[in-house]
Amino acid sequence: MLKIIMKYKNVILLSIGILLIILSIVLIMYDKIELIKSNVFDEVELLKYEENKKEEKISIDNNDEIISDIDTDIVEEKKVKKVSVNKKEYIGYLEISKINLKQGLVSKNSYYNDVNRNIQIIKSSNYPDEENGNVILAAHSGTSSISYFKNLYKLEINDEAKIYYKDKVYTYRVNNIYNVPKTGTVNIRRDIYKKTLTLITCTKGSKTEQTVYVLNLISEESDKK
């Protein structure tokens, strides 16, 4: 048996190599197909939102807001009651032109409001139309189809982001960017007398830190689309 194996050693190794290459190609194609499916689904939902717009505190200490239970790497699966929110319906969307990001947002009680399914609106977040509120969004970075904040690291001070919500366009400008350790709690350094947008994701190149982007509202206009 050993002699047979040695005799056909090169053939066996070549066969194994070919199988590994085929397996790698299959996995790569699967990831690409999943990404395409996800993008197509999101585009369809955004079109639905455009055609028929639908309507649907955090403790403060020294102008810092404390957010608990945020982890954009590991998120526990939550038990969700069987209600109508299981349908993925957008209440608005986030647009950041600089990084070609345009992604719908679901309500806080939606099944899809989870970093493993979409951009997540943190439960202690405000909505854009609330006075001096803070819209807090978290999403994965990385390379998967749900890594909506994968290019967030490209943002710089004074870059802009928009939220389309309830027939209005809210435009925000980056005011502060900083990293924090992954401890399950994030301090948000913002002016509590201004409407704010906060974006949170894993720090590029780090497994132990998250990056926080704080943006102040600079304009609020009617959505004429």
C-alpha atoms as a PDB file:
ATOM      1  CA  MET A   1       0.000   0.000   0.000  1.00  0.00           C
ATOM      2  CA  LEU A   2       2.833   2.351   0.934  1.00  0.00           C
ATOM      3  CA  LYS A   3       4.608   1.577  -2.334  1.00  0.00           C
ATOM      4  CA  ILE A   4       1.458   2.415  -4.298  1.00  0.00           C
ATOM      5  CA  ILE A   5       1.100   5.704  -2.452  1.00  0.00           C
ATOM      6  CA  MET A   6       4.748   6.609  -3.075  1.00  0.00           C
ATOM      7  CA  LYS A   7       4.400   5.647  -6.725  1.00  0.00           C
ATOM      8  CA  TYR A   8       1.455   7.949  -7.256  1.00  0.00           C
ATOM      9  CA  LYS A   9       2.559  10.591  -4.749  1.00  0.00           C
ATOM     10  CA  ASN A  10       2.812  13.368  -7.312  1.00  0.00           C
ATOM     11  CA  VAL A  11      -0.556  12.488  -8.823  1.00  0.00           C
ATOM     12  CA  ILE A  12      -2.185  12.487  -5.376  1.00  0.00           C
ATOM     13  CA  LEU A  13      -0.621  15.826  -4.426  1.00  0.00           C
ATOM     14  CA  LEU A  14      -1.668  17.338  -7.740  1.00  0.00           C
ATOM     15  CA  SER A  15      -5.241  16.092  -7.267  1.00  0.00           C
ATOM     16  CA  ILE A  16      -5.396  17.534  -3.750  1.00  0.00           C
ATOM     17  CA  GLY A  17      -4.049  20.844  -5.039  1.00  0.00           C
ATOM     18  CA  ILE A  18      -6.651  20.986  -7.797  1.00  0.00           C
ATOM     19  CA  LEU A  19      -9.449  20.206  -5.307  1.00  0.00           C
ATOM     20  CA  LEU A  20      -8.259  22.996  -2.990  1.00  0.00           C
ATOM     21  CA  ILE A  21      -8.172  25.459  -5.881  1.00  0.00           C
ATOM     22  CA  ILE A  22     -11.696  24.470  -6.937  1.00  0.00           C
ATOM     23  CA  LEU A  23     -12.919  24.821  -3.348  1.00  0.00           C
ATOM     24  CA  SER A  24     -11.335  28.288  -3.068  1.00  0.00           C
ATOM     25  CA  ILE A  25     -12.996  29.393  -6.312  1.00  0.00           C
ATOM     26  CA  VAL A  26     -16.386  28.112  -5.121  1.00  0.00           C
ATOM     27  CA  LEU A  27     -16.054  30.002  -1.811  1.00  0.00           C
ATOM     28  CA  ILE A  28     -15.019  33.223  -3.564  1.00  0.00           C
ATOM     29  CA  MET A  29     -17.924  32.965  -6.014  1.00  0.00           C
ATOM     30  CA  TYR A  30     -20.344  32.268  -3.161  1.00  0.00           C
ATOM     31  CA  ASP A  31     -19.224  35.426  -1.311  1.00  0.00           C
ATOM     32  CA  LYS A  32     -19.561  37.486  -4.503  1.00  0.00           C
ATOM     33  CA  ILE A  33     -23.052  36.133  -5.200  1.00  0.00           C
ATOM     34  CA  GLU A  34     -24.146  36.873  -1.625  1.00  0.00           C
ATOM     35  CA  LEU A  35     -22.777  40.415  -1.905  1.00  0.00           C
ATOM     36  CA  ILE A  36     -24.595  40.985  -5.216  1.00  0.00           C
ATOM     37  CA  LYS A  37     -27.853  39.607  -3.760  1.00  0.00           C
ATOM     38  CA  SER A  38     -27.532  41.873  -0.736  1.00  0.00           C
ATOM     39  CA  ASN A  39     -26.831  44.960  -2.857  1.00  0.00           C
ATOM     40  CA  VAL A  40     -29.736  44.248  -5.208  1.00  0.00           C
ATOM     41  CA  PHE A  41     -32.113  43.723  -2.281  1.00  0.00           C
ATOM     42  CA  ASP A  42     -30.996  46.987  -0.664  1.00  0.00           C
ATOM     43  CA  GLU A  43     -31.408  48.910  -3.928  1.00  0.00           C
ATOM     44  CA  VAL A  44     -34.950  47.555  -4.357  1.00  0.00           C
ATOM     45  CA  GLU A  45     -35.868  48.550  -0.806  1.00  0.00           C
ATOM     46  CA  LEU A  46     -34.430  52.048  -1.304  1.00  0.00           C
ATOM     47  CA  LEU A  47     -36.497  52.427  -4.470  1.00  0.00           C
ATOM     48  CA  LYS A  48     -39.588  51.409  -2.510  1.00  0.00           C
ATOM     49  CA  TYR A  49     -38.724  54.010   0.107  1.00  0.00           C
ATOM     50  CA  GLU A  50     -38.306  56.722  -2.535  1.00  0.00           C
ATOM     51  CA  GLU A  51     -41.631  55.832  -4.161  1.00  0.00           C
ATOM     52  CA  ASN A  52     -43.589  55.697  -0.939  1.00  0.00           C
ATOM     53  CA  LYS A  53     -41.921  57.348   2.072  1.00  0.00           C
ATOM     54  CA  LYS A  54     -43.309  55.916   5.295  1.00  0.00           C
ATOM     55  CA  GLU A  55     -43.433  57.336   8.787  1.00  0.00           C
ATOM     56  CA  GLU A  56     -42.873  55.103  11.270  1.00  0.00           C
ATOM     57  CA  LYS A  57     -32.130  58.905  27.029  1.00  0.00           C
ATOM     58  CA  ILE A  58     -28.936  58.250  27.324  1.00  0.00           C
ATOM     59  CA  SER A  59     -27.370  59.367  30.637  1.00  0.00           C
ATOM     60  CA  ILE A  60     -25.297  62.530  30.261  1.00  0.00           C
ATOM     61  CA  ASP A  61     -22.166  63.368  32.237  1.00  0.00           C
ATOM     62  CA  ASN A  62     -19.943  66.337  31.372  1.00  0.00           C
ATOM     63  CA  ASN A  63     -21.320  66.506  27.821  1.00  0.00           C
ATOM     64  CA  ASP A  64     -20.467  62.814  27.290  1.00  0.00           C
ATOM     65  CA  GLU A  65     -23.145  60.280  26.438  1.00  0.00           C
ATOM     66  CA  ILE A  66     -22.764  56.713  27.653  1.00  0.00           C
ATOM     67  CA  ILE A  67     -23.851  53.873  25.395  1.00  0.00           C
ATOM     68  CA  SER A  68     -23.841  50.295  26.603  1.00  0.00           C
ATOM     69  CA  ASP A  69     -24.015  46.949  24.817  1.00  0.00           C
ATOM     70  CA  ILE A  70     -22.388  48.041  21.561  1.00  0.00           C
ATOM     71  CA  ASP A  71     -20.048  45.578  19.902  1.00  0.00           C
ATOM     72  CA  THR A  72     -19.719  45.633  16.122  1.00  0.00           C
ATOM     73  CA  ASP A  73     -17.658  42.437  16.111  1.00  0.00           C
ATOM     74  CA  ILE A  74     -19.715  40.126  18.327  1.00  0.00           C
ATOM     75  CA  VAL A  75     -23.456  40.621  18.647  1.00  0.00           C
ATOM     76  CA  GLU A  76     -25.784  38.266  20.479  1.00  0.00           C
ATOM     77  CA  GLU A  77     -28.779  36.996  18.543  1.00  0.00           C
ATOM     78  CA  LYS A  78     -31.888  38.512  20.073  1.00  0.00           C
ATOM     79  CA  LYS A  79     -35.253  36.790  20.414  1.00  0.00           C
ATOM     80  CA  VAL A  80     -37.816  38.768  18.449  1.00  0.00           C
ATOM     81  CA  LYS A  81     -41.572  38.529  18.849  1.00  0.00           C
ATOM     82  CA  LYS A  82     -43.495  37.544  15.751  1.00  0.00           C
ATOM     83  CA  VAL A  83     -44.831  40.936  14.732  1.00  0.00           C
ATOM     84  CA  SER A  84     -45.054  42.915  11.520  1.00  0.00           C
ATOM     85  CA  VAL A  85     -41.626  44.522  12.060  1.00  0.00           C
ATOM     86  CA  ASN A  86     -40.048  41.336  10.655  1.00  0.00           C
ATOM     87  CA  LYS A  87     -40.591  42.812   7.194  1.00  0.00           C
ATOM     88  CA  LYS A  88     -37.611  44.900   6.090  1.00  0.00           C
ATOM     89  CA  GLU A  89     -39.090  48.342   5.569  1.00  0.00           C
ATOM     90  CA  TYR A  90     -36.896  51.424   5.505  1.00  0.00           C
ATOM     91  CA  ILE A  91     -37.914  54.539   7.441  1.00  0.00           C
ATOM     92  CA  GLY A  92     -35.109  56.546   5.843  1.00  0.00           C
ATOM     93  CA  TYR A  93     -31.550  56.132   4.701  1.00  0.00           C
ATOM     94  CA  LEU A  94     -27.984  57.222   5.343  1.00  0.00           C
ATOM     95  CA  GLU A  95     -25.928  58.663   2.495  1.00  0.00           C
ATOM     96  CA  ILE A  96     -22.195  59.456   2.606  1.00  0.00           C
ATOM     97  CA  SER A  97     -21.126  60.482  -0.880  1.00  0.00           C
ATOM     98  CA  LYS A  98     -17.394  60.456  -0.165  1.00  0.00           C
ATOM     99  CA  ILE A  99     -17.390  56.699   0.427  1.00  0.00           C
ATOM    100  CA  ASN A 100     -20.270  55.847  -1.956  1.00  0.00           C
ATOM    101  CA  LEU A 101     -22.497  54.699   0.891  1.00  0.00           C
ATOM    102  CA  LYS A 102     -26.268  54.761   0.516  1.00  0.00           C
ATOM    103  CA  GLN A 103     -28.034  52.384   2.858  1.00  0.00           C
ATOM    104  CA  GLY A 104     -31.557  52.215   4.230  1.00  0.00           C
ATOM    105  CA  LEU A 105     -32.368  52.471   7.936  1.00  0.00           C
ATOM    106  CA  VAL A 106     -35.075  50.472   9.698  1.00  0.00           C
ATOM    107  CA  SER A 107     -36.977  51.385  12.866  1.00  0.00           C
ATOM    108  CA  LYS A 108     -35.381  50.614  16.235  1.00  0.00           C
ATOM    109  CA  ASN A 109     -37.834  47.790  16.959  1.00  0.00           C
ATOM    110  CA  SER A 110     -37.361  46.097  13.582  1.00  0.00           C
ATOM    111  CA  TYR A 111     -35.975  42.567  13.340  1.00  0.00           C
ATOM    112  CA  TYR A 112     -33.435  43.955  10.850  1.00  0.00           C
ATOM    113  CA  ASN A 113     -32.158  46.626  13.230  1.00  0.00           C
ATOM    114  CA  ASP A 114     -29.013  44.678  14.049  1.00  0.00           C
ATOM    115  CA  VAL A 115     -25.397  45.027  12.891  1.00  0.00           C
ATOM    116  CA  ASN A 116     -25.571  41.460  11.579  1.00  0.00           C
ATOM    117  CA  ARG A 117     -28.393  42.440   9.198  1.00  0.00           C
ATOM    118  CA  ASN A 118     -28.151  46.159   8.507  1.00  0.00           C
ATOM    119  CA  ILE A 119     -26.854  49.459   9.844  1.00  0.00           C
ATOM    120  CA  GLN A 120     -28.135  49.439  13.419  1.00  0.00           C
ATOM    121  CA  ILE A 121     -29.868  52.358  15.091  1.00  0.00           C
ATOM    122  CA  ILE A 122     -28.784  51.935  18.721  1.00  0.00           C
ATOM    123  CA  LYS A 123     -31.821  51.555  21.011  1.00  0.00           C
ATOM    124  CA  SER A 124     -30.880  54.611  23.091  1.00  0.00           C
ATOM    125  CA  SER A 125     -30.574  56.717  19.928  1.00  0.00           C
ATOM    126  CA  ASN A 126     -32.830  59.580  18.947  1.00  0.00           C
ATOM    127  CA  TYR A 127     -34.381  60.018  15.518  1.00  0.00           C
ATOM    128  CA  PRO A 128     -33.216  62.947  13.345  1.00  0.00           C
ATOM    129  CA  ASP A 129     -36.276  65.122  14.049  1.00  0.00           C
ATOM    130  CA  GLU A 130     -35.858  65.095  17.849  1.00  0.00           C
ATOM    131  CA  GLU A 131     -34.683  68.338  19.445  1.00  0.00           C
ATOM    132  CA  ASN A 132     -30.939  68.295  20.217  1.00  0.00           C
ATOM    133  CA  GLY A 133     -31.026  64.525  19.709  1.00  0.00           C
ATOM    134  CA  ASN A 134     -28.237  62.174  18.757  1.00  0.00           C
ATOM    135  CA  VAL A 135     -28.738  59.651  15.953  1.00  0.00           C
ATOM    136  CA  ILE A 136     -26.383  56.796  16.860  1.00  0.00           C
ATOM    137  CA  LEU A 137     -25.595  54.272  14.135  1.00  0.00           C
ATOM    138  CA  ALA A 138     -23.338  51.213  14.289  1.00  0.00           C
ATOM    139  CA  ALA A 139     -22.271  48.799  11.552  1.00  0.00           C
ATOM    140  CA  HIS A 140     -19.555  46.309  10.706  1.00  0.00           C
ATOM    141  CA  SER A 141     -16.342  47.169   8.951  1.00  0.00           C
ATOM    142  CA  GLY A 142     -14.535  44.410   7.067  1.00  0.00           C
ATOM    143  CA  THR A 143     -15.247  42.714   3.748  1.00  0.00           C
ATOM    144  CA  SER A 144     -18.592  40.920   4.166  1.00  0.00           C
ATOM    145  CA  SER A 145     -21.868  41.924   2.507  1.00  0.00           C
ATOM    146  CA  ILE A 146     -23.041  43.521   5.786  1.00  0.00           C
ATOM    147  CA  SER A 147     -19.887  45.603   6.304  1.00  0.00           C
ATOM    148  CA  TYR A 148     -21.652  48.868   5.537  1.00  0.00           C
ATOM    149  CA  PHE A 149     -19.029  50.939   7.398  1.00  0.00           C
ATOM    150  CA  LYS A 150     -16.009  49.289   5.772  1.00  0.00           C
ATOM    151  CA  ASN A 151     -14.848  52.596   4.238  1.00  0.00           C
ATOM    152  CA  LEU A 152     -15.756  54.829   7.158  1.00  0.00           C
ATOM    153  CA  TYR A 153     -12.062  55.153   8.016  1.00  0.00           C
ATOM    154  CA  LYS A 154     -11.706  57.420   4.965  1.00  0.00           C
ATOM    155  CA  LEU A 155     -13.792  60.147   6.596  1.00  0.00           C
ATOM    156  CA  GLU A 156     -12.014  63.263   7.794  1.00  0.00           C
ATOM    157  CA  ILE A 157     -12.968  66.381   9.744  1.00  0.00           C
ATOM    158  CA  ASN A 158     -15.501  68.517   7.791  1.00  0.00           C
ATOM    159  CA  ASP A 159     -16.668  65.630   5.578  1.00  0.00           C
ATOM    160  CA  GLU A 160     -20.447  65.389   5.323  1.00  0.00           C
ATOM    161  CA  ALA A 161     -23.190  62.784   5.677  1.00  0.00           C
ATOM    162  CA  LYS A 162     -26.918  62.986   5.056  1.00  0.00           C
ATOM    163  CA  ILE A 163     -29.935  61.264   6.582  1.00  0.00           C
ATOM    164  CA  TYR A 164     -33.205  61.220   4.632  1.00  0.00           C
ATOM    165  CA  TYR A 165     -36.076  60.880   7.080  1.00  0.00           C
ATOM    166  CA  LYS A 166     -39.774  61.840   7.015  1.00  0.00           C
ATOM    167  CA  ASP A 167     -39.575  64.004   3.879  1.00  0.00           C
ATOM    168  CA  LYS A 168     -36.554  65.921   5.152  1.00  0.00           C
ATOM    169  CA  VAL A 169     -32.828  65.850   4.450  1.00  0.00           C
ATOM    170  CA  TYR A 170     -30.560  66.269   7.478  1.00  0.00           C
ATOM    171  CA  THR A 171     -26.975  67.181   6.578  1.00  0.00           C
ATOM    172  CA  TYR A 172     -24.239  66.614   9.152  1.00  0.00           C
ATOM    173  CA  ARG A 173     -20.537  67.555   9.177  1.00  0.00           C
ATOM    174  CA  VAL A 174     -17.765  65.563  10.887  1.00  0.00           C
ATOM    175  CA  ASN A 175     -16.647  67.444  13.994  1.00  0.00           C
ATOM    176  CA  ASN A 176     -14.674  64.803  15.903  1.00  0.00           C
ATOM    177  CA  ILE A 177     -13.082  61.391  15.306  1.00  0.00           C
ATOM    178  CA  TYR A 178     -11.558  59.282  18.071  1.00  0.00           C
ATOM    179  CA  ASN A 179     -10.877  55.672  19.069  1.00  0.00           C
ATOM    180  CA  VAL A 180     -12.114  53.897  22.194  1.00  0.00           C
ATOM    181  CA  PRO A 181     -11.391  50.438  23.624  1.00  0.00           C
ATOM    182  CA  LYS A 182     -13.978  47.708  23.066  1.00  0.00           C
ATOM    183  CA  THR A 183     -15.403  47.450  26.559  1.00  0.00           C
ATOM    184  CA  GLY A 184     -19.149  47.307  25.809  1.00  0.00           C
ATOM    185  CA  THR A 185     -19.509  51.021  26.625  1.00  0.00           C
ATOM    186  CA  VAL A 186     -18.826  54.036  24.413  1.00  0.00           C
ATOM    187  CA  ASN A 187     -18.457  57.644  25.569  1.00  0.00           C
ATOM    188  CA  ILE A 188     -19.803  60.063  22.964  1.00  0.00           C
ATOM    189  CA  ARG A 189     -18.144  63.476  23.148  1.00  0.00           C
ATOM    190  CA  ARG A 190     -20.615  65.915  21.672  1.00  0.00           C
ATOM    191  CA  ASP A 191     -22.352  69.233  22.202  1.00  0.00           C
ATOM    192  CA  ILE A 192     -25.612  68.176  23.842  1.00  0.00           C
ATOM    193  CA  TYR A 193     -27.282  71.391  22.653  1.00  0.00           C
ATOM    194  CA  LYS A 194     -26.910  70.451  18.988  1.00  0.00           C
ATOM    195  CA  LYS A 195     -28.475  67.795  16.805  1.00  0.00           C
ATOM    196  CA  THR A 196     -25.833  65.157  16.247  1.00  0.00           C
ATOM    197  CA  LEU A 197     -25.099  62.062  14.175  1.00  0.00           C
ATOM    198  CA  THR A 198     -22.726  59.488  15.691  1.00  0.00           C
ATOM    199  CA  LEU A 199     -21.246  56.636  13.652  1.00  0.00           C
ATOM    200  CA  ILE A 200     -19.512  53.713  15.367  1.00  0.00           C
ATOM    201  CA  THR A 201     -17.531  50.866  13.841  1.00  0.00           C
ATOM    202  CA  CYS A 202     -14.457  48.727  14.456  1.00  0.00           C
ATOM    203  CA  THR A 203     -11.161  50.549  14.070  1.00  0.00           C
ATOM    204  CA  LYS A 204      -9.371  49.626  10.857  1.00  0.00           C
ATOM    205  CA  GLY A 205      -6.434  47.327  11.611  1.00  0.00           C
ATOM    206  CA  SER A 206      -7.391  46.796  15.258  1.00  0.00           C
ATOM    207  CA  LYS A 207      -9.305  44.036  17.039  1.00  0.00           C
ATOM    208  CA  THR A 208      -9.470  45.847  20.381  1.00  0.00           C
ATOM    209  CA  GLU A 209     -10.724  49.324  19.457  1.00  0.00           C
ATOM    210  CA  GLN A 210     -13.716  51.056  17.927  1.00  0.00           C
ATOM    211  CA  THR A 211     -13.748  54.386  16.109  1.00  0.00           C
ATOM    212  CA  VAL A 212     -16.363  57.025  16.881  1.00  0.00           C
ATOM    213  CA  TYR A 213     -17.294  59.700  14.337  1.00  0.00           C
ATOM    214  CA  VAL A 214     -19.283  62.644  15.723  1.00  0.00           C
ATOM    215  CA  LEU A 215     -21.078  64.871  13.205  1.00  0.00           C
ATOM    216  CA  ASN A 216     -23.013  68.072  13.923  1.00  0.00           C
ATOM    217  CA  LEU A 217     -26.145  69.081  12.010  1.00  0.00           C
ATOM    218  CA  ILE A 218     -25.484  71.927   9.568  1.00  0.00           C
ATOM    219  CA  SER A 219     -28.753  72.005   7.626  1.00  0.00           C
ATOM    220  CA  GLU A 220     -32.269  70.624   7.659  1.00  0.00           C
ATOM    221  CA  GLU A 221     -34.209  70.883   4.401  1.00  0.00           C
ATOM    222  CA  SER A 222     -37.302  69.512   2.742  1.00  0.00           C
ATOM    223  CA  ASP A 223     -36.707  66.403   0.631  1.00  0.00           C
ATOM    224  CA  LYS A 224     -37.983  67.512  -2.762  1.00  0.00           C
ATOM    225  CA  LYS A 225     -37.517  64.109  -4.413  1.00  0.00           C
END
